[in-house]
Amino acid sequence: MFLTIRGHLLVEWDYREAYDKRLLAICDRLYVLTLDDWQESVSVAADMKLARSMGKSSRFYDPEGA
């Protein structure tokens, strides 16, 4: 999930946590775009943990393998 304000990407989990909770609440699952270094992302890990806690599955999308 990405939040943009006036073209700037806000990626800090502390800022996005409340937004992501509301968005995940209405989603069926979380899709993770597996770009370079996605596994090191604190916010991706937090989103996946949050999705799990809500009983939502995570699916992965590799743009190179599409």
PDB file of N, CA and C in Angstrom:
ATOM      1  N   MET A   1       0.831  -1.157   0.000  1.00  0.00           N
ATOM      2  CA  MET A   1       0.000   0.000   0.000  1.00  0.00           C
ATOM      3  C   MET A   1       0.887   1.236   0.000  1.00  0.00           C
ATOM      4  N   PHE A   2       0.512   2.144  -0.809  1.00  0.00           N
ATOM      5  CA  PHE A   2       1.290   3.373  -0.881  1.00  0.00           C
ATOM      6  C   PHE A   2       0.369   4.561  -0.662  1.00  0.00           C
ATOM      7  N   LEU A   3       0.864   5.523   0.034  1.00  0.00           N
ATOM      8  CA  LEU A   3       0.128   6.751   0.263  1.00  0.00           C
ATOM      9  C   LEU A   3       0.943   7.883  -0.356  1.00  0.00           C
ATOM     10  N   THR A   4       0.333   8.644  -1.230  1.00  0.00           N
ATOM     11  CA  THR A   4       1.038   9.766  -1.831  1.00  0.00           C
ATOM     12  C   THR A   4       0.320  11.061  -1.493  1.00  0.00           C
ATOM     13  N   ILE A   5       1.089  12.078  -1.234  1.00  0.00           N
ATOM     14  CA  ILE A   5       0.552  13.409  -1.020  1.00  0.00           C
ATOM     15  C   ILE A   5       1.341  14.362  -1.913  1.00  0.00           C
ATOM     16  N   ARG A   6       0.629  14.963  -2.852  1.00  0.00           N
ATOM     17  CA  ARG A   6       1.240  15.898  -3.795  1.00  0.00           C
ATOM     18  C   ARG A   6       2.473  15.306  -4.463  1.00  0.00           C
ATOM     19  N   GLY A   7       2.362  14.030  -4.862  1.00  0.00           N
ATOM     20  CA  GLY A   7       3.428  13.397  -5.616  1.00  0.00           C
ATOM     21  C   GLY A   7       4.583  12.856  -4.801  1.00  0.00           C
ATOM     22  N   HIS A   8       4.547  13.021  -3.479  1.00  0.00           N
ATOM     23  CA  HIS A   8       5.636  12.519  -2.641  1.00  0.00           C
ATOM     24  C   HIS A   8       5.193  11.235  -1.955  1.00  0.00           C
ATOM     25  N   LEU A   9       6.008  10.214  -2.046  1.00  0.00           N
ATOM     26  CA  LEU A   9       5.687   8.936  -1.434  1.00  0.00           C
ATOM     27  C   LEU A   9       6.084   8.963   0.029  1.00  0.00           C
ATOM     28  N   LEU A  10       5.119   8.677   0.891  1.00  0.00           N
ATOM     29  CA  LEU A  10       5.384   8.621   2.327  1.00  0.00           C
ATOM     30  C   LEU A  10       5.538   7.159   2.701  1.00  0.00           C
ATOM     31  N   VAL A  11       6.738   6.764   3.096  1.00  0.00           N
ATOM     32  CA  VAL A  11       7.004   5.346   3.296  1.00  0.00           C
ATOM     33  C   VAL A  11       7.255   4.972   4.745  1.00  0.00           C
ATOM     34  N   GLU A  12       7.276   5.914   5.638  1.00  0.00           N
ATOM     35  CA  GLU A  12       7.550   5.612   7.039  1.00  0.00           C
ATOM     36  C   GLU A  12       6.359   4.905   7.666  1.00  0.00           C
ATOM     37  N   TRP A  13       6.587   3.738   8.246  1.00  0.00           N
ATOM     38  CA  TRP A  13       5.514   2.946   8.847  1.00  0.00           C
ATOM     39  C   TRP A  13       4.802   3.709   9.951  1.00  0.00           C
ATOM     40  N   ASP A  14       5.533   4.460  10.751  1.00  0.00           N
ATOM     41  CA  ASP A  14       4.906   5.204  11.841  1.00  0.00           C
ATOM     42  C   ASP A  14       3.799   6.115  11.326  1.00  0.00           C
ATOM     43  N   TYR A  15       4.000   6.695  10.181  1.00  0.00           N
ATOM     44  CA  TYR A  15       3.009   7.598   9.601  1.00  0.00           C
ATOM     45  C   TYR A  15       1.841   6.817   9.001  1.00  0.00           C
ATOM     46  N   ARG A  16       2.151   5.705   8.327  1.00  0.00           N
ATOM     47  CA  ARG A  16       1.160   4.979   7.543  1.00  0.00           C
ATOM     48  C   ARG A  16       0.367   3.945   8.326  1.00  0.00           C
ATOM     49  N   GLU A  17       0.760   3.613   9.525  1.00  0.00           N
ATOM     50  CA  GLU A  17       0.132   2.510  10.254  1.00  0.00           C
ATOM     51  C   GLU A  17      -1.385   2.649  10.364  1.00  0.00           C
ATOM     52  N   ALA A  18      -1.873   3.775  10.801  1.00  0.00           N
ATOM     53  CA  ALA A  18      -3.325   3.961  10.970  1.00  0.00           C
ATOM     54  C   ALA A  18      -4.045   3.877   9.623  1.00  0.00           C
ATOM     55  N   TYR A  19      -3.463   4.464   8.597  1.00  0.00           N
ATOM     56  CA  TYR A  19      -4.032   4.412   7.257  1.00  0.00           C
ATOM     57  C   TYR A  19      -4.089   2.969   6.766  1.00  0.00           C
ATOM     58  N   ASP A  20      -2.991   2.231   6.929  1.00  0.00           N
ATOM     59  CA  ASP A  20      -2.930   0.852   6.453  1.00  0.00           C
ATOM     60  C   ASP A  20      -3.933  -0.030   7.186  1.00  0.00           C
ATOM     61  N   LYS A  21      -4.133   0.196   8.472  1.00  0.00           N
ATOM     62  CA  LYS A  21      -5.115  -0.580   9.238  1.00  0.00           C
ATOM     63  C   LYS A  21      -6.515  -0.388   8.664  1.00  0.00           C
ATOM     64  N   ARG A  22      -6.867   0.854   8.370  1.00  0.00           N
ATOM     65  CA  ARG A  22      -8.190   1.125   7.811  1.00  0.00           C
ATOM     66  C   ARG A  22      -8.344   0.504   6.426  1.00  0.00           C
ATOM     67  N   LEU A  23      -7.309   0.600   5.624  1.00  0.00           N
ATOM     68  CA  LEU A  23      -7.369   0.063   4.273  1.00  0.00           C
ATOM     69  C   LEU A  23      -7.426  -1.463   4.287  1.00  0.00           C
ATOM     70  N   LEU A  24      -6.589  -2.096   5.096  1.00  0.00           N
ATOM     71  CA  LEU A  24      -6.599  -3.557   5.176  1.00  0.00           C
ATOM     72  C   LEU A  24      -7.929  -4.096   5.694  1.00  0.00           C
ATOM     73  N   ALA A  25      -8.595  -3.334   6.532  1.00  0.00           N
ATOM     74  CA  ALA A  25      -9.877  -3.770   7.090  1.00  0.00           C
ATOM     75  C   ALA A  25     -10.922  -4.019   5.997  1.00  0.00           C
ATOM     76  N   ILE A  26     -10.823  -3.310   4.885  1.00  0.00           N
ATOM     77  CA  ILE A  26     -11.805  -3.472   3.806  1.00  0.00           C
ATOM     78  C   ILE A  26     -11.283  -4.321   2.644  1.00  0.00           C
ATOM     79  N   CYS A  27     -10.051  -4.808   2.759  1.00  0.00           N
ATOM     80  CA  CYS A  27      -9.445  -5.628   1.703  1.00  0.00           C
ATOM     81  C   CYS A  27      -9.597  -7.112   2.007  1.00  0.00           C
ATOM     82  N   ASP A  28      -9.574  -7.910   0.955  1.00  0.00           N
ATOM     83  CA  ASP A  28      -9.612  -9.353   1.119  1.00  0.00           C
ATOM     84  C   ASP A  28      -8.232  -9.926   1.421  1.00  0.00           C
ATOM     85  N   ARG A  29      -7.204  -9.329   0.849  1.00  0.00           N
ATOM     86  CA  ARG A  29      -5.834  -9.811   1.041  1.00  0.00           C
ATOM     87  C   ARG A  29      -4.852  -8.687   0.733  1.00  0.00           C
ATOM     88  N   LEU A  30      -3.605  -8.932   1.099  1.00  0.00           N
ATOM     89  CA  LEU A  30      -2.527  -7.978   0.835  1.00  0.00           C
ATOM     90  C   LEU A  30      -1.688  -8.496  -0.323  1.00  0.00           C
ATOM     91  N   TYR A  31      -1.475  -7.671  -1.319  1.00  0.00           N
ATOM     92  CA  TYR A  31      -0.564  -8.006  -2.409  1.00  0.00           C
ATOM     93  C   TYR A  31       0.746  -7.266  -2.186  1.00  0.00           C
ATOM     94  N   VAL A  32       1.838  -8.007  -2.254  1.00  0.00           N
ATOM     95  CA  VAL A  32       3.168  -7.442  -2.051  1.00  0.00           C
ATOM     96  C   VAL A  32       3.885  -7.422  -3.391  1.00  0.00           C
ATOM     97  N   LEU A  33       4.282  -6.249  -3.825  1.00  0.00           N
ATOM     98  CA  LEU A  33       5.052  -6.079  -5.051  1.00  0.00           C
ATOM     99  C   LEU A  33       6.512  -6.321  -4.707  1.00  0.00           C
ATOM    100  N   THR A  34       7.097  -7.367  -5.260  1.00  0.00           N
ATOM    101  CA  THR A  34       8.440  -7.787  -4.861  1.00  0.00           C
ATOM    102  C   THR A  34       9.519  -7.067  -5.681  1.00  0.00           C
ATOM    103  N   LEU A  35       9.668  -5.797  -5.395  1.00  0.00           N
ATOM    104  CA  LEU A  35      10.738  -5.002  -6.002  1.00  0.00           C
ATOM    105  C   LEU A  35      12.041  -5.259  -5.259  1.00  0.00           C
ATOM    106  N   ASP A  36      13.137  -4.714  -5.767  1.00  0.00           N
ATOM    107  CA  ASP A  36      14.442  -4.880  -5.118  1.00  0.00           C
ATOM    108  C   ASP A  36      14.362  -4.529  -3.638  1.00  0.00           C
ATOM    109  N   ASP A  37      14.935  -5.372  -2.803  1.00  0.00           N
ATOM    110  CA  ASP A  37      15.047  -5.158  -1.352  1.00  0.00           C
ATOM    111  C   ASP A  37      13.715  -5.137  -0.613  1.00  0.00           C
ATOM    112  N   TRP A  38      12.653  -5.648  -1.192  1.00  0.00           N
ATOM    113  CA  TRP A  38      11.365  -5.629  -0.508  1.00  0.00           C
ATOM    114  C   TRP A  38      11.414  -6.405   0.805  1.00  0.00           C
ATOM    115  N   GLN A  39      12.262  -7.421   0.872  1.00  0.00           N
ATOM    116  CA  GLN A  39      12.337  -8.237   2.091  1.00  0.00           C
ATOM    117  C   GLN A  39      12.993  -7.488   3.254  1.00  0.00           C
ATOM    118  N   GLU A  40      13.706  -6.410   2.974  1.00  0.00           N
ATOM    119  CA  GLU A  40      14.324  -5.606   4.022  1.00  0.00           C
ATOM    120  C   GLU A  40      13.439  -4.454   4.482  1.00  0.00           C
ATOM    121  N   SER A  41      12.290  -4.295   3.860  1.00  0.00           N
ATOM    122  CA  SER A  41      11.403  -3.177   4.166  1.00  0.00           C
ATOM    123  C   SER A  41      10.675  -3.389   5.492  1.00  0.00           C
ATOM    124  N   VAL A  42      10.857  -2.455   6.403  1.00  0.00           N
ATOM    125  CA  VAL A  42      10.167  -2.502   7.690  1.00  0.00           C
ATOM    126  C   VAL A  42       8.661  -2.384   7.485  1.00  0.00           C
ATOM    127  N   SER A  43       8.241  -1.515   6.594  1.00  0.00           N
ATOM    128  CA  SER A  43       6.808  -1.304   6.401  1.00  0.00           C
ATOM    129  C   SER A  43       6.142  -2.494   5.709  1.00  0.00           C
ATOM    130  N   VAL A  44       6.826  -3.171   4.791  1.00  0.00           N
ATOM    131  CA  VAL A  44       6.247  -4.359   4.160  1.00  0.00           C
ATOM    132  C   VAL A  44       6.065  -5.452   5.207  1.00  0.00           C
ATOM    133  N   ALA A  45       7.082  -5.668   6.030  1.00  0.00           N
ATOM    134  CA  ALA A  45       6.979  -6.671   7.101  1.00  0.00           C
ATOM    135  C   ALA A  45       5.846  -6.329   8.060  1.00  0.00           C
ATOM    136  N   ALA A  46       5.710  -5.048   8.390  1.00  0.00           N
ATOM    137  CA  ALA A  46       4.648  -4.619   9.297  1.00  0.00           C
ATOM    138  C   ALA A  46       3.278  -4.810   8.657  1.00  0.00           C
ATOM    139  N   ASP A  47       3.147  -4.486   7.378  1.00  0.00           N
ATOM    140  CA  ASP A  47       1.877  -4.687   6.673  1.00  0.00           C
ATOM    141  C   ASP A  47       1.513  -6.167   6.620  1.00  0.00           C
ATOM    142  N   MET A  48       2.490  -7.025   6.375  1.00  0.00           N
ATOM    143  CA  MET A  48       2.228  -8.463   6.316  1.00  0.00           C
ATOM    144  C   MET A  48       1.800  -8.987   7.692  1.00  0.00           C
ATOM    145  N   LYS A  49       2.454  -8.518   8.738  1.00  0.00           N
ATOM    146  CA  LYS A  49       2.094  -8.921  10.100  1.00  0.00           C
ATOM    147  C   LYS A  49       0.684  -8.442  10.439  1.00  0.00           C
ATOM    148  N   LEU A  50       0.384  -7.212  10.068  1.00  0.00           N
ATOM    149  CA  LEU A  50      -0.944  -6.654  10.310  1.00  0.00           C
ATOM    150  C   LEU A  50      -2.010  -7.450   9.558  1.00  0.00           C
ATOM    151  N   ALA A  51      -1.739  -7.763   8.306  1.00  0.00           N
ATOM    152  CA  ALA A  51      -2.688  -8.550   7.515  1.00  0.00           C
ATOM    153  C   ALA A  51      -2.939  -9.906   8.175  1.00  0.00           C
ATOM    154  N   ARG A  52      -1.864 -10.566   8.615  1.00  0.00           N
ATOM    155  CA  ARG A  52      -2.001 -11.862   9.296  1.00  0.00           C
ATOM    156  C   ARG A  52      -2.865 -11.744  10.543  1.00  0.00           C
ATOM    157  N   SER A  53      -2.638 -10.675  11.317  1.00  0.00           N
ATOM    158  CA  SER A  53      -3.401 -10.492  12.558  1.00  0.00           C
ATOM    159  C   SER A  53      -4.885 -10.263  12.289  1.00  0.00           C
ATOM    160  N   MET A  54      -5.207  -9.813  11.082  1.00  0.00           N
ATOM    161  CA  MET A  54      -6.594  -9.576  10.694  1.00  0.00           C
ATOM    162  C   MET A  54      -7.181 -10.777   9.951  1.00  0.00           C
ATOM    163  N   GLY A  55      -6.398 -11.852   9.856  1.00  0.00           N
ATOM    164  CA  GLY A  55      -6.870 -13.042   9.157  1.00  0.00           C
ATOM    165  C   GLY A  55      -6.833 -12.928   7.649  1.00  0.00           C
ATOM    166  N   LYS A  56      -6.030 -12.016   7.142  1.00  0.00           N
ATOM    167  CA  LYS A  56      -5.926 -11.796   5.697  1.00  0.00           C
ATOM    168  C   LYS A  56      -4.652 -12.472   5.179  1.00  0.00           C
ATOM    169  N   SER A  57      -4.738 -13.013   3.984  1.00  0.00           N
ATOM    170  CA  SER A  57      -3.560 -13.631   3.383  1.00  0.00           C
ATOM    171  C   SER A  57      -2.747 -12.586   2.631  1.00  0.00           C
ATOM    172  N   SER A  58      -1.504 -12.934   2.362  1.00  0.00           N
ATOM    173  CA  SER A  58      -0.629 -12.092   1.547  1.00  0.00           C
ATOM    174  C   SER A  58      -0.271 -12.865   0.287  1.00  0.00           C
ATOM    175  N   ARG A  59      -0.284 -12.186  -0.819  1.00  0.00           N
ATOM    176  CA  ARG A  59       0.136 -12.763  -2.100  1.00  0.00           C
ATOM    177  C   ARG A  59       1.260 -11.895  -2.626  1.00  0.00           C
ATOM    178  N   PHE A  60       2.119 -12.504  -3.423  1.00  0.00           N
ATOM    179  CA  PHE A  60       3.294 -11.811  -3.919  1.00  0.00           C
ATOM    180  C   PHE A  60       3.198 -11.663  -5.436  1.00  0.00           C
ATOM    181  N   TYR A  61       3.625 -10.499  -5.905  1.00  0.00           N
ATOM    182  CA  TYR A  61       3.629 -10.218  -7.335  1.00  0.00           C
ATOM    183  C   TYR A  61       5.041  -9.812  -7.732  1.00  0.00           C
ATOM    184  N   ASP A  62       5.628 -10.616  -8.616  1.00  0.00           N
ATOM    185  CA  ASP A  62       6.971 -10.348  -9.128  1.00  0.00           C
ATOM    186  C   ASP A  62       6.830  -9.744 -10.520  1.00  0.00           C
ATOM    187  N   PRO A  63       7.104  -8.449 -10.678  1.00  0.00           N
ATOM    188  CA  PRO A  63       6.925  -7.815 -11.974  1.00  0.00           C
ATOM    189  C   PRO A  63       7.869  -8.375 -13.046  1.00  0.00           C
ATOM    190  N   GLU A  64       8.986  -8.955 -12.635  1.00  0.00           N
ATOM    191  CA  GLU A  64       9.924  -9.539 -13.598  1.00  0.00           C
ATOM    192  C   GLU A  64       9.404 -10.860 -14.146  1.00  0.00           C
ATOM    193  N   GLY A  65       8.606 -11.562 -13.347  1.00  0.00           N
ATOM    194  CA  GLY A  65       8.089 -12.864 -13.774  1.00  0.00           C
ATOM    195  C   GLY A  65       6.694 -12.814 -14.350  1.00  0.00           C
ATOM    196  N   ALA A  66       6.144 -11.618 -14.472  1.00  0.00           N
ATOM    197  CA  ALA A  66       4.758 -11.492 -14.942  1.00  0.00           C
ATOM    198  C   ALA A  66       4.637 -11.689 -16.441  1.00  0.00           C
TER     199      ALA A  66
END
